[in-house]
Amino acid sequence: MAKGNMTIRMEPELKAQAAALFKSLGMDLSTATGIFYRQALRCHGLPFEVKVDEPNAVTYAAMEAAEKGEDMFGPFDSVGDLMEALNA
């Protein structure tokens, strides 16, 4: 089967991390990319769930309090002080 070339643009650090991961699995970036495409074809879509992580109600409440300047703690003098504030 004839093979063609493809150019993918990505951040150098992302490429390096991915290359290291795939090397530990015994493959290179080209092989991993081919596997991704084969899985996408097999699934008729992306081979993983794509979604936006939505903050929960507690996080939203904390974000609103922070915007209002309420319930703001820190800076802390020690890890113990931080943990005490978190447990409050």
N, C-alpha and C. Protein backbone atom coordinates (compact mmCIF):
# COMPACT_ATOMS: atom_id res chain seq x y z
N MET A 1 0.84 -1.17 0.00
CA MET A 1 0.00 0.00 0.00
C MET A 1 0.89 1.24 0.00
N ALA A 2 0.63 2.17 -0.92
CA ALA A 2 1.40 3.41 -0.98
C ALA A 2 1.08 4.28 0.22
N LYS A 3 2.08 4.97 0.71
CA LYS A 3 1.88 5.86 1.86
C LYS A 3 2.08 7.29 1.42
N GLY A 4 1.29 8.19 1.98
CA GLY A 4 1.41 9.61 1.69
C GLY A 4 1.92 10.35 2.91
N ASN A 5 2.30 11.59 2.71
CA ASN A 5 2.79 12.42 3.79
C ASN A 5 1.67 13.32 4.31
N MET A 6 1.74 13.66 5.59
CA MET A 6 0.79 14.55 6.20
C MET A 6 1.56 15.46 7.16
N THR A 7 1.19 16.71 7.22
CA THR A 7 1.81 17.66 8.13
C THR A 7 0.81 18.01 9.22
N ILE A 8 1.23 17.89 10.46
CA ILE A 8 0.40 18.25 11.60
C ILE A 8 1.12 19.35 12.37
N ARG A 9 0.41 20.42 12.65
CA ARG A 9 1.00 21.51 13.43
C ARG A 9 0.55 21.39 14.87
N MET A 10 1.51 21.42 15.78
CA MET A 10 1.21 21.36 17.21
C MET A 10 2.35 21.99 17.98
N GLU A 11 2.08 22.29 19.24
CA GLU A 11 3.10 22.89 20.08
C GLU A 11 4.26 21.91 20.27
N PRO A 12 5.49 22.40 20.25
CA PRO A 12 6.65 21.51 20.39
C PRO A 12 6.61 20.67 21.67
N GLU A 13 6.16 21.26 22.78
CA GLU A 13 6.13 20.52 24.04
C GLU A 13 5.10 19.38 23.97
N LEU A 14 3.95 19.64 23.35
CA LEU A 14 2.94 18.60 23.18
C LEU A 14 3.49 17.46 22.34
N LYS A 15 4.18 17.81 21.26
CA LYS A 15 4.76 16.80 20.39
C LYS A 15 5.79 15.96 21.14
N ALA A 16 6.64 16.61 21.93
CA ALA A 16 7.67 15.89 22.68
C ALA A 16 7.05 14.95 23.71
N GLN A 17 6.03 15.43 24.41
CA GLN A 17 5.36 14.59 25.41
C GLN A 17 4.68 13.40 24.75
N ALA A 18 3.99 13.65 23.63
CA ALA A 18 3.32 12.56 22.92
C ALA A 18 4.34 11.56 22.38
N ALA A 19 5.43 12.05 21.81
CA ALA A 19 6.46 11.16 21.27
C ALA A 19 7.04 10.28 22.37
N ALA A 20 7.26 10.85 23.56
CA ALA A 20 7.80 10.06 24.67
C ALA A 20 6.79 9.00 25.12
N LEU A 21 5.53 9.38 25.20
CA LEU A 21 4.50 8.42 25.58
C LEU A 21 4.43 7.27 24.58
N PHE A 22 4.34 7.61 23.29
CA PHE A 22 4.21 6.57 22.28
C PHE A 22 5.47 5.70 22.20
N LYS A 23 6.63 6.30 22.43
CA LYS A 23 7.87 5.51 22.45
C LYS A 23 7.82 4.48 23.57
N SER A 24 7.26 4.88 24.73
CA SER A 24 7.16 3.92 25.84
C SER A 24 6.19 2.79 25.51
N LEU A 25 5.30 3.03 24.54
CA LEU A 25 4.37 2.00 24.08
C LEU A 25 4.91 1.23 22.88
N GLY A 26 6.13 1.58 22.45
CA GLY A 26 6.77 0.86 21.36
C GLY A 26 6.38 1.34 19.98
N MET A 27 5.97 2.60 19.86
CA MET A 27 5.60 3.12 18.54
C MET A 27 6.05 4.55 18.39
N ASP A 28 6.03 5.03 17.15
CA ASP A 28 6.38 6.42 16.89
C ASP A 28 5.10 7.23 16.64
N LEU A 29 5.28 8.53 16.42
CA LEU A 29 4.13 9.41 16.19
C LEU A 29 3.33 9.00 14.97
N SER A 30 4.00 8.56 13.93
CA SER A 30 3.31 8.17 12.71
C SER A 30 2.41 6.96 12.95
N THR A 31 2.91 5.97 13.67
CA THR A 31 2.12 4.79 13.98
C THR A 31 0.93 5.15 14.86
N ALA A 32 1.17 5.98 15.88
CA ALA A 32 0.10 6.39 16.78
C ALA A 32 -0.98 7.17 16.04
N THR A 33 -0.57 8.03 15.12
CA THR A 33 -1.53 8.79 14.32
C THR A 33 -2.36 7.85 13.45
N GLY A 34 -1.71 6.87 12.85
CA GLY A 34 -2.42 5.88 12.05
C GLY A 34 -3.44 5.11 12.87
N ILE A 35 -3.07 4.75 14.09
CA ILE A 35 -3.99 4.05 14.98
C ILE A 35 -5.20 4.94 15.29
N PHE A 36 -4.94 6.22 15.55
CA PHE A 36 -6.04 7.14 15.83
C PHE A 36 -7.03 7.17 14.66
N TYR A 37 -6.53 7.31 13.44
CA TYR A 37 -7.41 7.36 12.28
C TYR A 37 -8.18 6.06 12.09
N ARG A 38 -7.51 4.93 12.30
CA ARG A 38 -8.21 3.64 12.16
C ARG A 38 -9.33 3.51 13.19
N GLN A 39 -9.05 3.94 14.41
CA GLN A 39 -10.08 3.89 15.46
C GLN A 39 -11.23 4.84 15.14
N ALA A 40 -10.92 6.03 14.61
CA ALA A 40 -11.97 6.98 14.24
C ALA A 40 -12.86 6.38 13.16
N LEU A 41 -12.27 5.72 12.18
CA LEU A 41 -13.06 5.08 11.13
C LEU A 41 -13.90 3.94 11.69
N ARG A 42 -13.32 3.17 12.59
CA ARG A 42 -14.05 2.06 13.21
C ARG A 42 -15.24 2.56 14.02
N CYS A 43 -15.07 3.70 14.71
CA CYS A 43 -16.13 4.26 15.57
C CYS A 43 -17.08 5.19 14.81
N HIS A 44 -16.72 5.52 13.58
CA HIS A 44 -17.47 6.51 12.80
C HIS A 44 -17.52 7.85 13.53
N GLY A 45 -16.41 8.22 14.11
CA GLY A 45 -16.29 9.48 14.85
C GLY A 45 -15.02 9.45 15.68
N LEU A 46 -14.92 10.39 16.58
CA LEU A 46 -13.74 10.40 17.45
C LEU A 46 -13.79 9.19 18.38
N PRO A 47 -12.65 8.56 18.61
CA PRO A 47 -12.64 7.34 19.42
C PRO A 47 -12.62 7.60 20.92
N PHE A 48 -13.16 8.73 21.32
CA PHE A 48 -13.26 9.08 22.74
C PHE A 48 -14.35 10.14 22.87
N GLU A 49 -14.85 10.32 24.08
CA GLU A 49 -15.89 11.29 24.34
C GLU A 49 -15.31 12.70 24.33
N VAL A 50 -15.98 13.63 23.68
CA VAL A 50 -15.56 15.02 23.67
C VAL A 50 -16.65 15.83 24.35
N LYS A 51 -16.29 16.51 25.42
CA LYS A 51 -17.28 17.30 26.15
C LYS A 51 -16.58 18.44 26.87
N VAL A 52 -17.38 19.39 27.28
CA VAL A 52 -16.89 20.51 28.08
C VAL A 52 -17.15 20.15 29.54
N ASP A 53 -16.10 20.20 30.34
CA ASP A 53 -16.28 19.95 31.77
C ASP A 53 -16.97 21.15 32.39
N GLU A 54 -18.07 20.90 33.03
CA GLU A 54 -18.86 21.96 33.64
C GLU A 54 -18.58 21.96 35.14
N PRO A 55 -18.26 23.13 35.71
CA PRO A 55 -18.05 23.19 37.16
C PRO A 55 -19.33 22.81 37.90
N ASN A 56 -19.17 22.25 39.09
CA ASN A 56 -20.34 21.89 39.88
C ASN A 56 -20.84 23.11 40.67
N ALA A 57 -21.95 22.94 41.40
CA ALA A 57 -22.58 24.05 42.12
C ALA A 57 -21.65 24.66 43.16
N VAL A 58 -20.87 23.84 43.84
CA VAL A 58 -19.94 24.36 44.86
C VAL A 58 -18.89 25.26 44.21
N THR A 59 -18.39 24.83 43.05
CA THR A 59 -17.39 25.64 42.35
C THR A 59 -17.99 26.95 41.87
N TYR A 60 -19.19 26.89 41.31
CA TYR A 60 -19.85 28.13 40.88
C TYR A 60 -20.05 29.08 42.05
N ALA A 61 -20.47 28.56 43.20
CA ALA A 61 -20.66 29.41 44.38
C ALA A 61 -19.35 30.05 44.81
N ALA A 62 -18.27 29.29 44.78
CA ALA A 62 -16.96 29.83 45.15
C ALA A 62 -16.51 30.90 44.15
N MET A 63 -16.78 30.67 42.86
CA MET A 63 -16.41 31.66 41.84
C MET A 63 -17.19 32.96 42.04
N GLU A 64 -18.47 32.84 42.34
CA GLU A 64 -19.28 34.04 42.59
C GLU A 64 -18.81 34.79 43.82
N ALA A 65 -18.48 34.05 44.89
CA ALA A 65 -17.97 34.67 46.11
C ALA A 65 -16.66 35.38 45.85
N ALA A 66 -15.79 34.77 45.05
CA ALA A 66 -14.50 35.39 44.73
C ALA A 66 -14.68 36.66 43.93
N GLU A 67 -15.63 36.65 42.98
CA GLU A 67 -15.88 37.86 42.20
C GLU A 67 -16.35 39.01 43.07
N LYS A 68 -17.09 38.69 44.13
CA LYS A 68 -17.60 39.71 45.05
C LYS A 68 -16.59 40.06 46.14
N GLY A 69 -15.48 39.32 46.18
CA GLY A 69 -14.48 39.55 47.21
C GLY A 69 -14.85 38.91 48.54
N GLU A 70 -15.81 38.02 48.53
CA GLU A 70 -16.25 37.35 49.76
C GLU A 70 -15.45 36.07 49.99
N ASP A 71 -15.38 35.68 51.25
CA ASP A 71 -14.77 34.40 51.62
C ASP A 71 -13.38 34.21 51.02
N MET A 72 -12.63 35.30 50.92
CA MET A 72 -11.28 35.19 50.37
C MET A 72 -10.29 34.94 51.50
N PHE A 73 -9.42 33.97 51.31
CA PHE A 73 -8.42 33.61 52.30
C PHE A 73 -7.03 33.78 51.69
N GLY A 74 -6.07 33.88 52.56
CA GLY A 74 -4.69 33.90 52.11
C GLY A 74 -4.16 35.30 51.91
N PRO A 75 -2.87 35.45 51.72
CA PRO A 75 -1.90 34.35 51.67
C PRO A 75 -1.74 33.68 53.04
N PHE A 76 -1.27 32.48 53.01
CA PHE A 76 -1.14 31.69 54.23
C PHE A 76 0.32 31.63 54.65
N ASP A 77 0.51 31.58 55.96
CA ASP A 77 1.87 31.51 56.50
C ASP A 77 2.41 30.08 56.54
N SER A 78 1.49 29.11 56.47
CA SER A 78 1.93 27.72 56.52
C SER A 78 0.89 26.84 55.84
N VAL A 79 1.30 25.62 55.55
CA VAL A 79 0.38 24.65 54.97
C VAL A 79 -0.72 24.34 55.98
N GLY A 80 -0.38 24.33 57.26
CA GLY A 80 -1.37 24.07 58.30
C GLY A 80 -2.47 25.12 58.30
N ASP A 81 -2.08 26.40 58.13
CA ASP A 81 -3.08 27.47 58.06
C ASP A 81 -3.98 27.30 56.84
N LEU A 82 -3.40 26.91 55.72
CA LEU A 82 -4.19 26.67 54.52
C LEU A 82 -5.18 25.54 54.75
N MET A 83 -4.70 24.44 55.30
CA MET A 83 -5.57 23.28 55.53
C MET A 83 -6.69 23.63 56.51
N GLU A 84 -6.37 24.42 57.51
CA GLU A 84 -7.40 24.84 58.49
C GLU A 84 -8.48 25.68 57.79
N ALA A 85 -8.07 26.56 56.89
CA ALA A 85 -9.04 27.39 56.16
C ALA A 85 -9.89 26.52 55.23
N LEU A 86 -9.28 25.51 54.61
CA LEU A 86 -10.03 24.63 53.73
C LEU A 86 -11.05 23.79 54.47
N ASN A 87 -10.76 23.45 55.70
CA ASN A 87 -11.66 22.63 56.50
C ASN A 87 -12.75 23.45 57.19
N ALA A 88 -12.67 24.77 57.10
CA ALA A 88 -13.64 25.64 57.77
C ALA A 88 -15.02 25.50 57.17
